[in-house]
Amino acid sequence: MLGFPSAILLVVGLSYPGVATRLAAACVWWQHLRTYHRSRPLRTNLHEAFPEDAVSRTPSGRRDTLSVLGVHRR
């Protein structure tokens, strides 16, 4: 008789920390996205003033893509 309600409470109790963490991470991600979009005029002006300092979005070579340290170098 008490097995089904207690099983539901167990599942809710075990999943709550994960859901709360995901919601908090989503809020932080949303803030970062808004800040990124608000800084577009600054990034555009800096790119016009210093085009040689532009960061490419693609890796320079295939070896860089497969390297463990490649993420940190980019």
PDB file of N, CA and C in Angstrom:
ATOM      1  N   MET A   1       0.814  -1.190   0.000  1.00  0.00           N
ATOM      2  CA  MET A   1       0.000   0.000   0.000  1.00  0.00           C
ATOM      3  C   MET A   1       0.865   1.266   0.000  1.00  0.00           C
ATOM      4  N   LEU A   2       1.926   1.275   0.768  1.00  0.00           N
ATOM      5  CA  LEU A   2       2.799   2.441   0.814  1.00  0.00           C
ATOM      6  C   LEU A   2       3.964   2.332  -0.175  1.00  0.00           C
ATOM      7  N   GLY A   3       4.042   1.235  -0.885  1.00  0.00           N
ATOM      8  CA  GLY A   3       5.161   1.011  -1.804  1.00  0.00           C
ATOM      9  C   GLY A   3       5.195   1.986  -2.968  1.00  0.00           C
ATOM     10  N   PHE A   4       4.064   2.221  -3.610  1.00  0.00           N
ATOM     11  CA  PHE A   4       4.029   3.103  -4.781  1.00  0.00           C
ATOM     12  C   PHE A   4       4.311   4.560  -4.424  1.00  0.00           C
ATOM     13  N   PRO A   5       3.664   5.141  -3.409  1.00  0.00           N
ATOM     14  CA  PRO A   5       3.996   6.534  -3.058  1.00  0.00           C
ATOM     15  C   PRO A   5       5.444   6.697  -2.603  1.00  0.00           C
ATOM     16  N   SER A   6       5.957   5.721  -1.875  1.00  0.00           N
ATOM     17  CA  SER A   6       7.338   5.844  -1.431  1.00  0.00           C
ATOM     18  C   SER A   6       8.309   5.714  -2.612  1.00  0.00           C
ATOM     19  N   ALA A   7       7.972   4.912  -3.605  1.00  0.00           N
ATOM     20  CA  ALA A   7       8.823   4.798  -4.793  1.00  0.00           C
ATOM     21  C   ALA A   7       8.839   6.116  -5.565  1.00  0.00           C
ATOM     22  N   ILE A   8       7.696   6.755  -5.658  1.00  0.00           N
ATOM     23  CA  ILE A   8       7.634   8.064  -6.337  1.00  0.00           C
ATOM     24  C   ILE A   8       8.457   9.091  -5.582  1.00  0.00           C
ATOM     25  N   LEU A   9       8.329   9.123  -4.269  1.00  0.00           N
ATOM     26  CA  LEU A   9       9.119  10.059  -3.470  1.00  0.00           C
ATOM     27  C   LEU A   9      10.616   9.777  -3.586  1.00  0.00           C
ATOM     28  N   LEU A  10      10.973   8.521  -3.672  1.00  0.00           N
ATOM     29  CA  LEU A  10      12.384   8.170  -3.846  1.00  0.00           C
ATOM     30  C   LEU A  10      12.922   8.694  -5.173  1.00  0.00           C
ATOM     31  N   VAL A  11      12.175   8.506  -6.238  1.00  0.00           N
ATOM     32  CA  VAL A  11      12.608   8.974  -7.565  1.00  0.00           C
ATOM     33  C   VAL A  11      12.692  10.497  -7.586  1.00  0.00           C
ATOM     34  N   VAL A  12      11.715  11.165  -7.011  1.00  0.00           N
ATOM     35  CA  VAL A  12      11.736  12.629  -6.965  1.00  0.00           C
ATOM     36  C   VAL A  12      12.921  13.113  -6.138  1.00  0.00           C
ATOM     37  N   GLY A  13      13.154  12.479  -5.010  1.00  0.00           N
ATOM     38  CA  GLY A  13      14.261  12.878  -4.147  1.00  0.00           C
ATOM     39  C   GLY A  13      15.618  12.659  -4.785  1.00  0.00           C
ATOM     40  N   LEU A  14      15.757  11.593  -5.545  1.00  0.00           N
ATOM     41  CA  LEU A  14      17.035  11.327  -6.198  1.00  0.00           C
ATOM     42  C   LEU A  14      17.262  12.224  -7.415  1.00  0.00           C
ATOM     43  N   SER A  15      16.212  12.611  -8.101  1.00  0.00           N
ATOM     44  CA  SER A  15      16.374  13.419  -9.310  1.00  0.00           C
ATOM     45  C   SER A  15      16.394  14.917  -9.031  1.00  0.00           C
ATOM     46  N   TYR A  16      15.950  15.343  -7.866  1.00  0.00           N
ATOM     47  CA  TYR A  16      15.878  16.776  -7.561  1.00  0.00           C
ATOM     48  C   TYR A  16      17.230  17.486  -7.661  1.00  0.00           C
ATOM     49  N   PRO A  17      18.306  16.965  -7.067  1.00  0.00           N
ATOM     50  CA  PRO A  17      19.587  17.690  -7.179  1.00  0.00           C
ATOM     51  C   PRO A  17      20.055  17.857  -8.627  1.00  0.00           C
ATOM     52  N   GLY A  18      19.861  16.849  -9.444  1.00  0.00           N
ATOM     53  CA  GLY A  18      20.270  16.958 -10.843  1.00  0.00           C
ATOM     54  C   GLY A  18      19.469  17.987 -11.603  1.00  0.00           C
ATOM     55  N   VAL A  19      18.159  18.006 -11.365  1.00  0.00           N
ATOM     56  CA  VAL A  19      17.299  18.979 -12.036  1.00  0.00           C
ATOM     57  C   VAL A  19      17.631  20.392 -11.570  1.00  0.00           C
ATOM     58  N   ALA A  20      17.850  20.565 -10.276  1.00  0.00           N
ATOM     59  CA  ALA A  20      18.190  21.888  -9.747  1.00  0.00           C
ATOM     60  C   ALA A  20      19.519  22.379 -10.310  1.00  0.00           C
ATOM     61  N   THR A  21      20.483  21.476 -10.435  1.00  0.00           N
ATOM     62  CA  THR A  21      21.779  21.852 -10.999  1.00  0.00           C
ATOM     63  C   THR A  21      21.642  22.256 -12.460  1.00  0.00           C
ATOM     64  N   ARG A  22      20.852  21.505 -13.225  1.00  0.00           N
ATOM     65  CA  ARG A  22      20.641  21.850 -14.639  1.00  0.00           C
ATOM     66  C   ARG A  22      19.951  23.200 -14.788  1.00  0.00           C
ATOM     67  N   LEU A  23      18.986  23.489 -13.948  1.00  0.00           N
ATOM     68  CA  LEU A  23      18.306  24.787 -14.014  1.00  0.00           C
ATOM     69  C   LEU A  23      19.261  25.926 -13.685  1.00  0.00           C
ATOM     70  N   ALA A  24      20.097  25.743 -12.671  1.00  0.00           N
ATOM     71  CA  ALA A  24      21.072  26.773 -12.322  1.00  0.00           C
ATOM     72  C   ALA A  24      22.072  26.971 -13.459  1.00  0.00           C
ATOM     73  N   ALA A  25      22.529  25.877 -14.071  1.00  0.00           N
ATOM     74  CA  ALA A  25      23.470  25.975 -15.184  1.00  0.00           C
ATOM     75  C   ALA A  25      22.820  26.657 -16.382  1.00  0.00           C
ATOM     76  N   ALA A  26      21.542  26.388 -16.616  1.00  0.00           N
ATOM     77  CA  ALA A  26      20.836  27.027 -17.729  1.00  0.00           C
ATOM     78  C   ALA A  26      20.726  28.533 -17.512  1.00  0.00           C
ATOM     79  N   CYS A  27      20.501  28.949 -16.281  1.00  0.00           N
ATOM     80  CA  CYS A  27      20.426  30.389 -15.985  1.00  0.00           C
ATOM     81  C   CYS A  27      21.768  31.068 -16.235  1.00  0.00           C
ATOM     82  N   VAL A  28      22.847  30.439 -15.802  1.00  0.00           N
ATOM     83  CA  VAL A  28      24.179  31.001 -16.022  1.00  0.00           C
ATOM     84  C   VAL A  28      24.495  31.031 -17.513  1.00  0.00           C
ATOM     85  N   TRP A  29      24.149  29.963 -18.242  1.00  0.00           N
ATOM     86  CA  TRP A  29      24.379  29.920 -19.680  1.00  0.00           C
ATOM     87  C   TRP A  29      23.619  31.050 -20.385  1.00  0.00           C
ATOM     88  N   TRP A  30      22.393  31.282 -19.973  1.00  0.00           N
ATOM     89  CA  TRP A  30      21.580  32.326 -20.581  1.00  0.00           C
ATOM     90  C   TRP A  30      22.201  33.702 -20.336  1.00  0.00           C
ATOM     91  N   GLN A  31      22.719  33.940 -19.129  1.00  0.00           N
ATOM     92  CA  GLN A  31      23.390  35.206 -18.835  1.00  0.00           C
ATOM     93  C   GLN A  31      24.620  35.381 -19.721  1.00  0.00           C
ATOM     94  N   HIS A  32      25.398  34.339 -19.875  1.00  0.00           N
ATOM     95  CA  HIS A  32      26.590  34.427 -20.711  1.00  0.00           C
ATOM     96  C   HIS A  32      26.223  34.683 -22.170  1.00  0.00           C
ATOM     97  N   LEU A  33      25.149  34.066 -22.625  1.00  0.00           N
ATOM     98  CA  LEU A  33      24.710  34.288 -24.002  1.00  0.00           C
ATOM     99  C   LEU A  33      24.276  35.739 -24.216  1.00  0.00           C
ATOM    100  N   ARG A  34      23.539  36.287 -23.268  1.00  0.00           N
ATOM    101  CA  ARG A  34      23.122  37.693 -23.382  1.00  0.00           C
ATOM    102  C   ARG A  34      24.326  38.625 -23.372  1.00  0.00           C
ATOM    103  N   THR A  35      25.296  38.357 -22.503  1.00  0.00           N
ATOM    104  CA  THR A  35      26.501  39.186 -22.441  1.00  0.00           C
ATOM    105  C   THR A  35      27.281  39.090 -23.748  1.00  0.00           C
ATOM    106  N   TYR A  36      27.355  37.896 -24.302  1.00  0.00           N
ATOM    107  CA  TYR A  36      28.052  37.703 -25.578  1.00  0.00           C
ATOM    108  C   TYR A  36      27.393  38.530 -26.676  1.00  0.00           C
ATOM    109  N   HIS A  37      26.081  38.521 -26.747  1.00  0.00           N
ATOM    110  CA  HIS A  37      25.387  39.280 -27.789  1.00  0.00           C
ATOM    111  C   HIS A  37      25.480  40.782 -27.552  1.00  0.00           C
ATOM    112  N   ARG A  38      25.497  41.210 -26.306  1.00  0.00           N
ATOM    113  CA  ARG A  38      25.623  42.641 -26.021  1.00  0.00           C
ATOM    114  C   ARG A  38      27.017  43.161 -26.350  1.00  0.00           C
ATOM    115  N   SER A  39      28.035  42.288 -26.324  1.00  0.00           N
ATOM    116  CA  SER A  39      29.401  42.736 -26.598  1.00  0.00           C
ATOM    117  C   SER A  39      29.742  42.702 -28.087  1.00  0.00           C
ATOM    118  N   ARG A  40      28.777  42.422 -28.937  1.00  0.00           N
ATOM    119  CA  ARG A  40      29.054  42.340 -30.376  1.00  0.00           C
ATOM    120  C   ARG A  40      29.606  43.646 -30.957  1.00  0.00           C
ATOM    121  N   PRO A  41      29.066  44.828 -30.626  1.00  0.00           N
ATOM    122  CA  PRO A  41      29.665  46.056 -31.174  1.00  0.00           C
ATOM    123  C   PRO A  41      31.130  46.222 -30.785  1.00  0.00           C
ATOM    124  N   LEU A  42      31.477  45.883 -29.567  1.00  0.00           N
ATOM    125  CA  LEU A  42      32.864  45.973 -29.126  1.00  0.00           C
ATOM    126  C   LEU A  42      33.740  45.016 -29.917  1.00  0.00           C
ATOM    127  N   ARG A  43      33.280  43.778 -30.071  1.00  0.00           N
ATOM    128  CA  ARG A  43      34.066  42.802 -30.818  1.00  0.00           C
ATOM    129  C   ARG A  43      34.219  43.220 -32.279  1.00  0.00           C
ATOM    130  N   THR A  44      33.176  43.806 -32.859  1.00  0.00           N
ATOM    131  CA  THR A  44      33.243  44.260 -34.248  1.00  0.00           C
ATOM    132  C   THR A  44      34.264  45.385 -34.400  1.00  0.00           C
ATOM    133  N   ASN A  45      34.227  46.342 -33.492  1.00  0.00           N
ATOM    134  CA  ASN A  45      35.187  47.454 -33.556  1.00  0.00           C
ATOM    135  C   ASN A  45      36.615  46.978 -33.334  1.00  0.00           C
ATOM    136  N   LEU A  46      36.801  46.065 -32.418  1.00  0.00           N
ATOM    137  CA  LEU A  46      38.145  45.537 -32.192  1.00  0.00           C
ATOM    138  C   LEU A  46      38.647  44.754 -33.399  1.00  0.00           C
ATOM    139  N   HIS A  47      37.755  44.019 -34.038  1.00  0.00           N
ATOM    140  CA  HIS A  47      38.161  43.262 -35.228  1.00  0.00           C
ATOM    141  C   HIS A  47      38.523  44.202 -36.375  1.00  0.00           C
ATOM    142  N   GLU A  48      37.809  45.302 -36.507  1.00  0.00           N
ATOM    143  CA  GLU A  48      38.148  46.275 -37.551  1.00  0.00           C
ATOM    144  C   GLU A  48      39.477  46.951 -37.268  1.00  0.00           C
ATOM    145  N   ALA A  49      39.759  47.223 -35.998  1.00  0.00           N
ATOM    146  CA  ALA A  49      41.009  47.894 -35.638  1.00  0.00           C
ATOM    147  C   ALA A  49      42.201  46.935 -35.677  1.00  0.00           C
ATOM    148  N   PHE A  50      41.982  45.678 -35.292  1.00  0.00           N
ATOM    149  CA  PHE A  50      43.067  44.700 -35.222  1.00  0.00           C
ATOM    150  C   PHE A  50      42.662  43.402 -35.920  1.00  0.00           C
ATOM    151  N   PRO A  51      42.595  43.384 -37.251  1.00  0.00           N
ATOM    152  CA  PRO A  51      42.151  42.169 -37.956  1.00  0.00           C
ATOM    153  C   PRO A  51      43.128  41.007 -37.816  1.00  0.00           C
ATOM    154  N   GLU A  52      44.389  41.289 -37.544  1.00  0.00           N
ATOM    155  CA  GLU A  52      45.366  40.209 -37.421  1.00  0.00           C
ATOM    156  C   GLU A  52      45.176  39.398 -36.134  1.00  0.00           C
ATOM    157  N   ASP A  53      44.422  39.918 -35.190  1.00  0.00           N
ATOM    158  CA  ASP A  53      44.197  39.214 -33.922  1.00  0.00           C
ATOM    159  C   ASP A  53      42.905  38.406 -33.915  1.00  0.00           C
ATOM    160  N   ALA A  54      42.296  38.227 -35.075  1.00  0.00           N
ATOM    161  CA  ALA A  54      41.042  37.471 -35.140  1.00  0.00           C
ATOM    162  C   ALA A  54      41.289  36.004 -34.815  1.00  0.00           C
ATOM    163  N   VAL A  55      40.357  35.411 -34.100  1.00  0.00           N
ATOM    164  CA  VAL A  55      40.445  34.001 -33.732  1.00  0.00           C
ATOM    165  C   VAL A  55      39.614  33.206 -34.727  1.00  0.00           C
ATOM    166  N   SER A  56      40.248  32.235 -35.368  1.00  0.00           N
ATOM    167  CA  SER A  56      39.496  31.427 -36.320  1.00  0.00           C
ATOM    168  C   SER A  56      38.666  30.400 -35.566  1.00  0.00           C
ATOM    169  N   ARG A  57      37.553  30.011 -36.140  1.00  0.00           N
ATOM    170  CA  ARG A  57      36.660  29.071 -35.488  1.00  0.00           C
ATOM    171  C   ARG A  57      36.976  27.628 -35.858  1.00  0.00           C
ATOM    172  N   THR A  58      37.848  27.431 -36.830  1.00  0.00           N
ATOM    173  CA  THR A  58      38.188  26.074 -37.253  1.00  0.00           C
ATOM    174  C   THR A  58      39.619  25.761 -36.827  1.00  0.00           C
ATOM    175  N   PRO A  59      39.907  24.523 -36.505  1.00  0.00           N
ATOM    176  CA  PRO A  59      41.284  24.162 -36.155  1.00  0.00           C
ATOM    177  C   PRO A  59      42.202  24.286 -37.357  1.00  0.00           C
ATOM    178  N   SER A  60      43.473  24.547 -37.101  1.00  0.00           N
ATOM    179  CA  SER A  60      44.415  24.778 -38.193  1.00  0.00           C
ATOM    180  C   SER A  60      44.743  23.501 -38.950  1.00  0.00           C
ATOM    181  N   GLY A  61      44.687  22.367 -38.297  1.00  0.00           N
ATOM    182  CA  GLY A  61      45.006  21.123 -38.978  1.00  0.00           C
ATOM    183  C   GLY A  61      44.300  19.941 -38.342  1.00  0.00           C
ATOM    184  N   ARG A  62      44.366  18.815 -39.034  1.00  0.00           N
ATOM    185  CA  ARG A  62      43.710  17.607 -38.525  1.00  0.00           C
ATOM    186  C   ARG A  62      44.369  17.117 -37.246  1.00  0.00           C
ATOM    187  N   ARG A  63      45.670  17.243 -37.155  1.00  0.00           N
ATOM    188  CA  ARG A  63      46.375  16.788 -35.961  1.00  0.00           C
ATOM    189  C   ARG A  63      45.906  17.574 -34.741  1.00  0.00           C
ATOM    190  N   ASP A  64      45.664  18.851 -34.907  1.00  0.00           N
ATOM    191  CA  ASP A  64      45.187  19.696 -33.817  1.00  0.00           C
ATOM    192  C   ASP A  64      43.806  19.255 -33.352  1.00  0.00           C
ATOM    193  N   THR A  65      42.982  18.780 -34.250  1.00  0.00           N
ATOM    194  CA  THR A  65      41.640  18.322 -33.917  1.00  0.00           C
ATOM    195  C   THR A  65      41.679  17.077 -33.050  1.00  0.00           C
ATOM    196  N   LEU A  66      42.613  16.167 -33.336  1.00  0.00           N
ATOM    197  CA  LEU A  66      42.676  14.904 -32.624  1.00  0.00           C
ATOM    198  C   LEU A  66      43.510  14.971 -31.349  1.00  0.00           C
ATOM    199  N   SER A  67      44.219  16.050 -31.139  1.00  0.00           N
ATOM    200  CA  SER A  67      45.088  16.165 -29.983  1.00  0.00           C
ATOM    201  C   SER A  67      44.276  16.409 -28.710  1.00  0.00           C
ATOM    202  N   VAL A  68      44.726  15.804 -27.621  1.00  0.00           N
ATOM    203  CA  VAL A  68      44.064  16.006 -26.336  1.00  0.00           C
ATOM    204  C   VAL A  68      44.243  17.448 -25.872  1.00  0.00           C
ATOM    205  N   LEU A  69      45.408  18.005 -26.143  1.00  0.00           N
ATOM    206  CA  LEU A  69      45.697  19.371 -25.718  1.00  0.00           C
ATOM    207  C   LEU A  69      45.195  20.413 -26.711  1.00  0.00           C
ATOM    208  N   GLY A  70      44.654  19.987 -27.836  1.00  0.00           N
ATOM    209  CA  GLY A  70      44.207  20.922 -28.864  1.00  0.00           C
ATOM    210  C   GLY A  70      43.129  21.866 -28.396  1.00  0.00           C
ATOM    211  N   VAL A  71      42.280  21.421 -27.522  1.00  0.00           N
ATOM    212  CA  VAL A  71      41.205  22.265 -27.023  1.00  0.00           C
ATOM    213  C   VAL A  71      41.768  23.449 -26.254  1.00  0.00           C
ATOM    214  N   HIS A  72      42.805  23.196 -25.470  1.00  0.00           N
ATOM    215  CA  HIS A  72      43.357  24.249 -24.651  1.00  0.00           C
ATOM    216  C   HIS A  72      44.201  25.221 -25.453  1.00  0.00           C
ATOM    217  N   ARG A  73      44.795  24.757 -26.531  1.00  0.00           N
ATOM    218  CA  ARG A  73      45.577  25.655 -27.354  1.00  0.00           C
ATOM    219  C   ARG A  73      44.700  26.580 -28.164  1.00  0.00           C
ATOM    220  N   ARG A  74      43.512  26.116 -28.551  1.00  0.00           N
ATOM    221  CA  ARG A  74      42.621  26.964 -29.320  1.00  0.00           C
ATOM    222  C   ARG A  74      42.022  27.995 -28.410  1.00  0.00           C
TER     223      ARG A  74
END
